[in-house]
Each structure stands twice: as C-alpha cells, then as structure tokens.
Protein backbone atom coordinates (compact mmCIF):
# COMPACT_ATOMS: atom_id res chain seq x y z
CA MET A 1 -96.08 -24.64 -16.27
CA LYS A 2 -97.92 -27.64 -15.57
CA ASN A 3 -101.54 -26.97 -14.38
CA ASN A 4 -101.57 -26.59 -10.32
CA ASN A 5 -105.45 -26.94 -10.04
CA PRO A 6 -106.83 -27.99 -6.79
CA GLU A 7 -107.49 -31.78 -6.87
CA LYS A 8 -110.97 -31.07 -5.27
CA ILE A 9 -112.94 -28.53 -3.00
CA TYR A 10 -114.45 -29.86 0.23
CA LEU A 11 -117.24 -28.71 2.53
CA ARG A 12 -116.59 -29.50 6.22
CA LYS A 13 -118.63 -30.36 8.98
CA ASP A 14 -118.15 -26.76 10.44
CA GLY A 15 -119.44 -25.01 7.33
CA ARG A 16 -115.77 -23.76 6.12
CA TYR A 17 -114.56 -25.16 2.70
CA PHE A 18 -111.27 -26.21 2.25
CA LEU A 19 -109.09 -27.36 -0.85
CA LYS A 20 -106.10 -29.37 -1.37
CA TYR A 21 -103.11 -28.35 -3.73
CA LYS A 22 -99.82 -29.47 -4.80
CA LYS A 23 -97.31 -27.58 -2.57
CA GLY A 24 -93.60 -29.30 -4.00
CA ILE A 25 -91.89 -32.17 -3.62
CA LYS A 26 -90.50 -33.49 -0.25
CA GLU A 27 -86.76 -34.82 0.27
CA ASN A 28 -87.97 -38.37 -0.25
CA GLY A 29 -89.29 -37.38 -3.89
CA LYS A 30 -92.68 -37.62 -2.82
CA THR A 31 -95.57 -35.13 -3.61
CA GLU A 32 -96.20 -32.48 -0.86
CA TYR A 33 -99.94 -31.02 -0.49
CA GLY A 34 -100.95 -28.04 1.29
CA PHE A 35 -104.60 -27.19 2.53
CA ILE A 36 -106.50 -23.86 2.42
CA TYR A 37 -109.64 -23.14 4.57
CA ALA A 38 -112.69 -20.30 4.24
CA ARG A 39 -115.89 -19.93 4.85
CA ALA A 40 -117.18 -19.23 1.37
CA LYS A 41 -115.90 -20.72 -1.95
CA ASP A 42 -115.18 -17.13 -3.40
CA GLU A 43 -112.81 -16.30 -0.50
CA LEU A 44 -111.20 -19.73 -0.81
CA LEU A 45 -110.41 -19.38 -4.54
CA GLU A 46 -108.96 -16.06 -3.95
CA LYS A 47 -106.59 -17.30 -1.23
CA TYR A 48 -105.38 -20.06 -3.58
CA LYS A 49 -105.01 -17.41 -6.00
CA LYS A 50 -102.78 -15.59 -4.12
CA ILE A 51 -100.72 -18.32 -2.99
CA LEU A 52 -100.26 -19.67 -6.58
CA SER A 53 -98.94 -16.17 -7.40
CA GLU A 54 -96.27 -16.43 -4.39
CA GLN A 55 -95.77 -20.15 -4.83
CA ILE A 56 -92.61 -21.74 -6.23
CA VAL A 57 -93.50 -25.32 -8.04
CA ILE A 58 -90.89 -27.98 -8.07
CA ASP A 59 -91.53 -29.40 -11.21
CA LYS A 60 -89.19 -32.70 -12.60
CA SER A 61 -89.77 -31.38 -16.14
CA LEU A 62 -88.90 -28.03 -15.49
CA PHE A 63 -85.73 -26.02 -14.33
CA SER A 64 -87.31 -25.67 -11.07
CA GLY A 65 -86.64 -29.72 -10.92
CA ASP A 66 -83.14 -29.11 -12.04
CA MET A 67 -82.37 -26.89 -9.26
CA TYR A 68 -83.82 -28.88 -6.59
CA GLN A 69 -81.71 -31.79 -7.76
CA TRP A 70 -78.48 -29.65 -7.43
CA LEU A 71 -79.26 -28.65 -4.02
CA LYS A 72 -80.03 -32.14 -2.85
CA SER A 73 -76.52 -33.39 -4.18
CA ALA A 74 -75.31 -29.83 -2.51
CA LYS A 75 -76.58 -30.67 0.64
CA ILE A 76 -74.60 -33.98 0.65
CA SER A 77 -71.48 -32.52 -0.33
CA CYS A 78 -70.86 -29.36 1.64
CA LYS A 79 -70.80 -27.62 4.82
CA ARG A 80 -74.25 -26.38 6.58
CA SER A 81 -73.48 -22.98 6.04
CA SER A 82 -72.61 -23.28 2.68
CA TYR A 83 -75.80 -24.89 1.73
CA SER A 84 -77.86 -22.74 3.76
CA ASN A 85 -76.38 -19.95 1.52
CA TYR A 86 -77.00 -21.69 -1.51
CA GLU A 87 -80.63 -22.66 -0.58
CA TYR A 88 -81.47 -19.06 0.22
CA MET A 89 -80.11 -17.84 -3.50
CA VAL A 90 -81.95 -20.55 -5.14
CA TYR A 91 -85.38 -20.06 -3.71
CA ALA A 92 -85.06 -15.87 -3.07
CA HIS A 93 -83.66 -15.54 -6.59
CA LEU A 94 -83.31 -18.16 -9.17
CA MET A 95 -86.25 -20.26 -8.69
CA PRO A 96 -88.66 -17.18 -9.25
CA GLN A 97 -86.90 -16.28 -12.48
CA PHE A 98 -85.91 -19.27 -14.04
CA GLY A 99 -88.18 -22.18 -12.33
CA LYS A 100 -90.90 -21.78 -15.08
CA TYR A 101 -88.39 -22.71 -18.16
CA LYS A 102 -87.38 -25.78 -19.32
CA ARG A 103 -83.68 -26.37 -19.20
CA LYS A 104 -83.23 -25.81 -22.94
CA GLN A 105 -84.96 -22.62 -23.21
CA ILE A 106 -82.54 -20.87 -20.87
CA ASN A 107 -79.93 -18.90 -22.76
CA LYS A 108 -77.50 -15.89 -22.28
CA ASN A 109 -79.95 -13.23 -23.12
CA ILE A 110 -82.39 -14.34 -20.49
CA ILE A 111 -79.46 -14.46 -17.99
CA ASN A 112 -78.39 -11.03 -18.96
CA GLU A 113 -81.99 -9.80 -18.29
CA PHE A 114 -82.04 -11.23 -14.91
CA THR A 115 -78.46 -9.56 -14.16
CA GLU A 116 -79.79 -6.45 -15.11
CA LYS A 117 -83.06 -6.69 -13.23
CA MET A 118 -81.33 -7.69 -9.80
CA LEU A 119 -78.67 -4.68 -10.09
CA ASN A 120 -81.57 -2.25 -11.09
CA GLN A 121 -83.40 -3.73 -7.85
CA GLY A 122 -80.45 -2.35 -5.74
CA LEU A 123 -78.82 -5.77 -5.03
CA ALA A 124 -74.88 -5.20 -4.66
CA PRO A 125 -73.08 -6.64 -7.74
CA LYS A 126 -71.07 -9.20 -5.49
CA THR A 127 -74.22 -10.41 -4.18
CA VAL A 128 -75.23 -10.71 -8.06
CA LYS A 129 -72.37 -12.18 -8.89
CA ASP A 130 -72.58 -15.03 -6.16
CA ILE A 131 -76.31 -15.58 -7.31
CA LEU A 132 -74.84 -16.07 -11.06
CA ILE A 133 -72.04 -18.17 -9.89
CA ILE A 134 -74.82 -20.98 -8.13
CA LEU A 135 -76.89 -20.57 -11.56
CA GLN A 136 -73.74 -21.65 -13.53
CA GLN A 137 -73.22 -24.52 -10.96
CA VAL A 138 -76.61 -25.78 -11.75
CA LEU A 139 -76.21 -25.72 -15.28
CA LYS A 140 -73.02 -27.33 -15.34
CA TYR A 141 -74.58 -30.18 -12.94
CA HIS A 142 -77.04 -30.84 -15.71
CA ASN A 143 -74.34 -30.72 -18.61
CA VAL A 144 -75.43 -27.17 -19.91
CA ASN A 145 -72.29 -24.64 -20.32
CA ILE A 146 -73.27 -21.18 -20.83
CA SER A 147 -70.89 -18.37 -20.64
CA ILE A 148 -72.55 -15.98 -18.14
CA THR A 149 -71.22 -12.55 -17.84
CA MET A 150 -70.54 -11.48 -14.31
CA PRO A 151 -71.34 -8.02 -13.12
CA LYS A 152 -68.22 -5.80 -12.43
CA ILE A 153 -67.48 -5.59 -8.58
CA PRO A 154 -66.15 -2.19 -7.73
CA LYS A 155 -62.99 -2.00 -5.54
CA LYS A 156 -63.96 -1.88 -2.18
CA GLU A 157 -61.80 0.31 0.28
CA ILE A 158 -60.06 -1.78 2.99
CA GLN A 159 -60.12 -0.38 6.33
CA ILE A 160 -56.75 -0.30 8.23
CA LEU A 161 -56.48 1.42 11.31
CA THR A 162 -53.74 4.26 11.30
CA LYS A 163 -50.89 3.61 13.55
CA GLU A 164 -51.93 6.44 15.72
CA HIS A 165 -55.58 5.07 16.11
CA GLN A 166 -54.04 1.57 16.84
CA LEU A 167 -51.96 3.03 19.51
CA LEU A 168 -55.00 4.37 21.25
CA LEU A 169 -56.88 1.04 20.80
CA GLU A 170 -53.77 -0.71 22.39
CA GLN A 171 -53.43 1.87 24.95
CA ARG A 172 -57.36 1.16 26.00
CA LEU A 173 -56.79 -2.51 26.31
CA SER A 174 -53.37 -2.48 27.88
CA HIS A 175 -54.97 -2.45 31.43
CA CYS A 176 -58.00 -4.79 30.53
CA ILE A 177 -58.35 -8.09 32.08
CA ALA A 178 -61.59 -9.26 30.82
CA GLU A 179 -61.72 -12.13 28.36
CA GLU A 180 -64.21 -9.88 26.02
CA ASP A 181 -61.48 -7.07 25.96
CA ILE A 182 -58.62 -9.42 25.28
CA GLY A 183 -60.34 -11.03 22.40
CA VAL A 184 -60.00 -7.45 20.18
CA LEU A 185 -56.17 -7.54 21.18
CA LEU A 186 -55.99 -11.23 20.14
CA CYS A 187 -57.55 -10.60 16.92
CA LEU A 188 -55.46 -7.52 16.09
CA TYR A 189 -52.27 -9.34 16.71
CA THR A 190 -53.44 -13.00 15.14
CA GLY A 191 -55.70 -11.86 12.68
CA LEU A 192 -58.56 -13.97 13.69
CA ARG A 193 -62.07 -13.73 12.08
CA ILE A 194 -64.64 -12.90 14.38
CA GLY A 195 -66.39 -16.12 14.15
CA GLU A 196 -63.14 -17.93 14.52
CA LEU A 197 -62.53 -15.85 17.55
CA CYS A 198 -66.36 -16.38 19.16
CA GLY A 199 -65.91 -20.23 18.26
CA LEU A 200 -62.37 -20.38 20.24
CA LYS A 201 -62.45 -22.87 23.07
CA TRP A 202 -59.54 -22.77 25.71
CA GLU A 203 -58.95 -26.57 24.49
CA HIS A 204 -57.64 -25.05 21.18
CA ILE A 205 -55.03 -22.50 23.30
CA ASP A 206 -52.00 -24.32 23.93
CA LEU A 207 -49.90 -22.28 26.13
CA GLU A 208 -47.03 -24.88 26.70
CA ASN A 209 -46.20 -24.57 22.90
CA ASN A 210 -47.56 -20.98 22.54
CA VAL A 211 -50.33 -21.94 19.70
CA ILE A 212 -53.88 -21.25 18.95
CA LYS A 213 -55.52 -24.09 16.75
CA ILE A 214 -58.39 -22.72 14.56
CA GLU A 215 -60.47 -25.79 14.14
CA LYS A 216 -64.10 -24.32 14.83
CA THR A 217 -65.98 -20.86 13.80
CA LEU A 218 -69.29 -19.37 14.91
CA ILE A 219 -71.49 -18.83 12.21
CA ARG A 220 -75.72 -18.11 11.75
CA VAL A 221 -77.41 -20.43 9.39
CA LYS A 222 -80.85 -20.79 8.83
CA ASN A 223 -83.05 -22.62 11.24
CA ASP A 224 -84.70 -26.08 9.41
CA ASP A 225 -86.56 -26.80 12.61
CA LYS A 226 -90.34 -26.93 11.88
CA ASN A 227 -91.31 -25.83 15.12
CA ARG A 228 -88.58 -22.89 15.15
CA LYS A 229 -89.30 -19.85 16.91
CA THR A 230 -86.51 -17.92 14.98
CA LYS A 231 -85.59 -17.81 11.31
CA THR A 232 -81.81 -18.56 11.86
CA ILE A 233 -79.49 -20.17 14.62
CA VAL A 234 -75.96 -19.98 15.59
CA ILE A 235 -73.82 -23.14 15.23
CA LEU A 236 -70.30 -24.04 15.94
CA ASP A 237 -69.07 -25.42 12.70
CA GLU A 238 -65.66 -26.29 10.92
CA PRO A 239 -63.85 -22.91 9.33
CA LYS A 240 -64.80 -21.90 5.65
CA SER A 241 -62.34 -24.08 4.13
CA THR A 242 -59.53 -26.70 4.94
CA SER A 243 -56.98 -24.10 4.92
CA SER A 244 -58.61 -22.14 7.31
CA ILE A 245 -58.05 -25.07 9.52
CA ARG A 246 -54.44 -24.11 11.11
CA ASN A 247 -52.07 -23.30 13.83
CA ILE A 248 -51.04 -19.47 14.88
CA PRO A 249 -48.23 -18.87 17.26
CA ILE A 250 -49.20 -16.48 19.85
CA PRO A 251 -47.07 -13.47 20.22
CA ASN A 252 -45.21 -13.56 23.67
CA PHE A 253 -46.43 -10.49 25.00
CA LEU A 254 -49.96 -11.91 24.91
CA ILE A 255 -48.84 -15.28 26.93
CA PRO A 256 -49.12 -13.67 30.25
CA LYS A 257 -52.29 -12.27 29.79
CA LEU A 258 -53.58 -15.50 28.59
CA GLU A 259 -52.24 -17.35 31.58
CA LYS A 260 -54.34 -15.22 34.10
CA LEU A 261 -57.33 -15.93 32.12
CA LYS A 262 -56.94 -19.70 31.58
CA LYS A 263 -60.24 -21.67 32.09
CA GLY A 264 -61.36 -24.97 31.94
CA GLU A 265 -60.65 -26.56 28.39
CA PHE A 266 -64.44 -26.67 27.48
CA CYS A 267 -65.31 -22.94 28.20
CA PHE A 268 -65.23 -20.49 25.55
CA PHE A 269 -62.55 -18.12 25.51
CA LEU A 270 -64.66 -15.03 25.11
CA THR A 271 -66.99 -15.59 27.92
CA GLY A 272 -65.19 -18.23 30.31
CA THR A 273 -68.16 -20.46 30.24
CA GLU A 274 -69.67 -23.16 28.19
CA ASN A 275 -71.79 -20.74 26.38
CA PHE A 276 -70.66 -18.65 23.84
CA ILE A 277 -71.07 -15.12 22.62
CA GLU A 278 -72.42 -14.79 19.29
CA PRO A 279 -70.54 -12.63 16.40
CA ARG A 280 -73.10 -9.68 16.26
CA SER A 281 -73.00 -9.42 20.08
CA TYR A 282 -69.36 -9.08 20.06
CA THR A 283 -69.25 -6.70 17.51
CA ASN A 284 -71.45 -4.48 19.44
CA HIS A 285 -69.08 -4.69 22.37
CA TYR A 286 -66.12 -3.93 20.11
CA LYS A 287 -67.80 -0.97 18.97
CA ASN A 288 -68.38 0.47 22.31
CA ILE A 289 -64.73 -0.06 22.82
CA MET A 290 -63.96 1.80 19.74
CA LYS A 291 -66.55 4.64 20.88
CA SER A 292 -65.12 5.07 24.37
CA ILE A 293 -61.90 6.08 22.66
CA GLN A 294 -63.90 8.36 19.95
CA ILE A 295 -63.07 6.18 16.99
CA ASN A 296 -65.91 5.02 15.03
CA GLU A 297 -64.87 4.43 11.50
CA TYR A 298 -63.73 0.93 11.36
CA ASN A 299 -65.42 -2.24 11.46
CA PHE A 300 -64.42 -5.64 13.25
CA HIS A 301 -62.85 -6.86 9.94
CA ALA A 302 -60.22 -4.09 10.13
CA LEU A 303 -58.48 -5.74 12.78
CA ARG A 304 -57.48 -8.50 10.22
CA HIS A 305 -56.66 -6.30 7.55
CA THR A 306 -54.15 -4.03 9.96
CA PHE A 307 -52.67 -7.27 11.32
CA ALA A 308 -51.82 -8.40 7.70
CA THR A 309 -50.77 -4.75 6.90
CA ARG A 310 -48.34 -4.35 9.82
CA CYS A 311 -46.90 -8.21 9.26
CA ILE A 312 -45.81 -7.25 5.72
CA GLU A 313 -44.42 -3.72 6.82
CA ASN A 314 -42.13 -5.71 9.40
CA GLY A 315 -40.81 -7.91 6.81
CA CYS A 316 -43.20 -10.81 7.14
CA ASP A 317 -42.70 -13.17 3.76
CA PRO A 318 -46.34 -13.16 2.19
CA LYS A 319 -46.63 -17.22 2.14
CA THR A 320 -45.95 -17.26 6.06
CA LEU A 321 -48.66 -14.58 6.46
CA SER A 322 -51.07 -16.42 3.99
CA GLU A 323 -50.76 -19.62 6.25
CA ILE A 324 -51.51 -17.49 9.51
CA LEU A 325 -54.44 -15.93 7.83
CA GLY A 326 -55.80 -19.24 6.73
CA HIS A 327 -55.85 -18.46 2.90
CA SER A 328 -55.67 -21.18 0.38
CA ASN A 329 -52.98 -19.36 -1.80
CA VAL A 330 -50.66 -16.12 -1.56
CA LYS A 331 -52.45 -14.32 -4.17
CA ILE A 332 -55.68 -13.92 -1.94
CA THR A 333 -53.35 -12.54 0.72
CA LEU A 334 -51.47 -9.92 -1.24
CA GLU A 335 -54.71 -8.79 -3.18
CA ARG A 336 -57.32 -8.87 -0.38
CA TYR A 337 -55.08 -8.06 3.00
CA VAL A 338 -51.80 -6.48 2.23
CA HIS A 339 -52.19 -2.69 1.85
CA PRO A 340 -48.70 -0.65 2.12
CA GLY A 341 -49.46 2.80 3.71
CA PHE A 342 -48.01 5.97 2.03
CA ASP A 343 -45.19 5.95 4.52
CA SER A 344 -43.95 2.74 3.43
CA LYS A 345 -43.93 3.90 -0.35
CA VAL A 346 -42.06 7.05 0.79
CA LYS A 347 -39.44 4.59 2.68
CA LEU A 348 -39.18 2.53 -0.62
CA MET A 349 -38.58 5.31 -2.80
CA ASN A 350 -35.92 6.92 -0.53
CA SER A 351 -33.80 3.77 -0.30
CA LEU A 352 -33.34 3.96 -4.16
CA ASN A 353 -29.76 5.49 -4.99
CA PRO A 354 -28.47 6.81 -8.14
CA MET A 355 -25.15 4.91 -9.74
CA CYS A 356 -23.72 8.36 -10.35
CA SER A 357 -23.47 11.83 -8.80
CA PHE A 358 -26.09 14.06 -9.58
CA GLY A 359 -25.34 18.06 -9.00
C-alpha cells in the first residue's frame, strides 16, 4: 500500500496540534483530506495511527481503486436501493480484505480464505454468496475471470399458513374496516410484497376494472445526506425488477371492502393519507393481529407463500401465477413459492387407478 503519512503537523494559535492526511478520492476524482486535532504531538500521532488502522484507502493502483471505479459505474446503471446494497458490501467486507492487493495478486486461494473467514465469523451463507457475486462482478468489470466457489446455501423452510390458521386469520379480519387490517387480507389474496403494499396508493387501485397496478415499492436505503440524523431512510422507488411492475386482478369478494375505503388518489392505501407507514412498522401491526388469534409462528412473507400455494392447489397454471407474483420466469415461482401440502400429495396418489383389477 502506498505511504499515507501526514503531509505536515501544524501548531494552532489555540495551542492544539493538527495534521492533514489523505482520506480518499472524491466522486470528481480529486483527493479528499481529513484533519486530526490534539493537545500533544504524541496524542495526535496515536489518533492518526488509530484512523489508519480503520481507514480504507482508495488507491487507483490497487484493487481498492478498481472497486471504487466499479461502484461509480454501478451508481449510474442501477437502482438506488441496489446501489446502496452494493456500496455496503464493498466497503464493509470487500475493501478491508482485498483493497490492499493489486488486481493481478487476487487469486482463487485468497478468495477461498476470505469465504471461509466470513462463514466462520457467523455470516449467513446467502450473505457471503451475495458478497462474492459483487466481487465477481468487480473482477469481470476489469476483465479478470476467476471461477469463484460459492458457499452452499441450506434450503430454507418455507412458511405457509395451514388452512386452519388461514381460516382463523380470515375470521379475525372479516369484520375489520381499517385499511391497516384489510392490507393483510389484500396480501393474502394477491401475493403482494410488504414493500409493495406499503407503497401502494389509491391512484394504483382501479376499482372500475378491478385491477391493482404495482408500480412502486417502499424500501429502506442508506442516507447519503451529510447532515443526516439517521443512517438510513425510507424511499418510494420502482420495484426490484421490470417483471415486478405488473397488474394484479382484484378478487371479487374484496371489491366491496375496497370501495368503502376509497380515498383520494394521492393517499397511501394503508394510511388513507399522504403519509406512508413503513414496512417495519406494518410488520409489527401484522404481528399484533397474529398474536390476537394466538398464532405467532408466521412471518409476513408467509402470506405471499400461502397465496402462491393456494393458487396452485386451486388449479392455477404456473405461468399465470408467475406473472401475478412478478417473477421473471416460471422456475422461480415453482422452486421458491409453490409448496404442495401432504393432503395434495394424498389426493394425487389416490387419483391413480390400476389398469387391471387387484384381488
């Protein structure tokens, strides 16, 4: 790594020492400097030493510079939410590990050691895989092809409400008139993601044609405001992919309930005002509903899983379901969201009849 010594130590009129050091590179390509202050030189140098041990130096001759260039390119071409995730993975995990290397020094052994280290530190295999995918993209961006071994991801148990629990939930919601409660029912019968529900406005609910238009989603991203009070903010953004922008037919039994709730087109569905409720807060509301019927084992996404499974059980073809869920292909729908219960398997097996008689 290049020498990052302070340019000079100065003595201020107030008796304090301060030094200037290279902090990194700004988006315009110019060098960014940092400043440290202390009453004594020894204290000043100790502070500087601590900063150096924690600092990520962006050096154009090293892989840190390569990652920085890739991030600049990604910022132009991808959504804000995606970029926020990429930036976090790069600065939290990849920069500290690979930033000090030159591009040609990075090899499969170093990457495998990094993978093992991340897993041993307790990171989930899925998280480690996502980080490695970003590393692979940075390498390819700079014409380096290394076959990266991805960690095996244990098959996650999918949550689906039993028919008994679904009935209890529907009975609890059947007499509700509040938007917040109807939102749970809407997800159970349309497969909406929680961000899509929280970002849904009345302008996207067409009661004349009985269609919900999914065009926005509410997501939490890093706050880039220098005067920020919080590290993250919630924004209304486009859905995660082009296939997620879709029209969903509204089940007939929900139409009267929605007609009673109808508000101005710029109002959010869940609040009936121009102010949204964020996904984390609405998740808590959902948990309270489930707690009221003494069911605590299902997360909010179980509503989406349940919707998909019930559709298949009722004979819906996978392609139609895939488009309603907003998937890019049918394979995702079948592998991730369709989970026939044991009763369906029994029904299938009992539908088989022998071609001859068995005594």
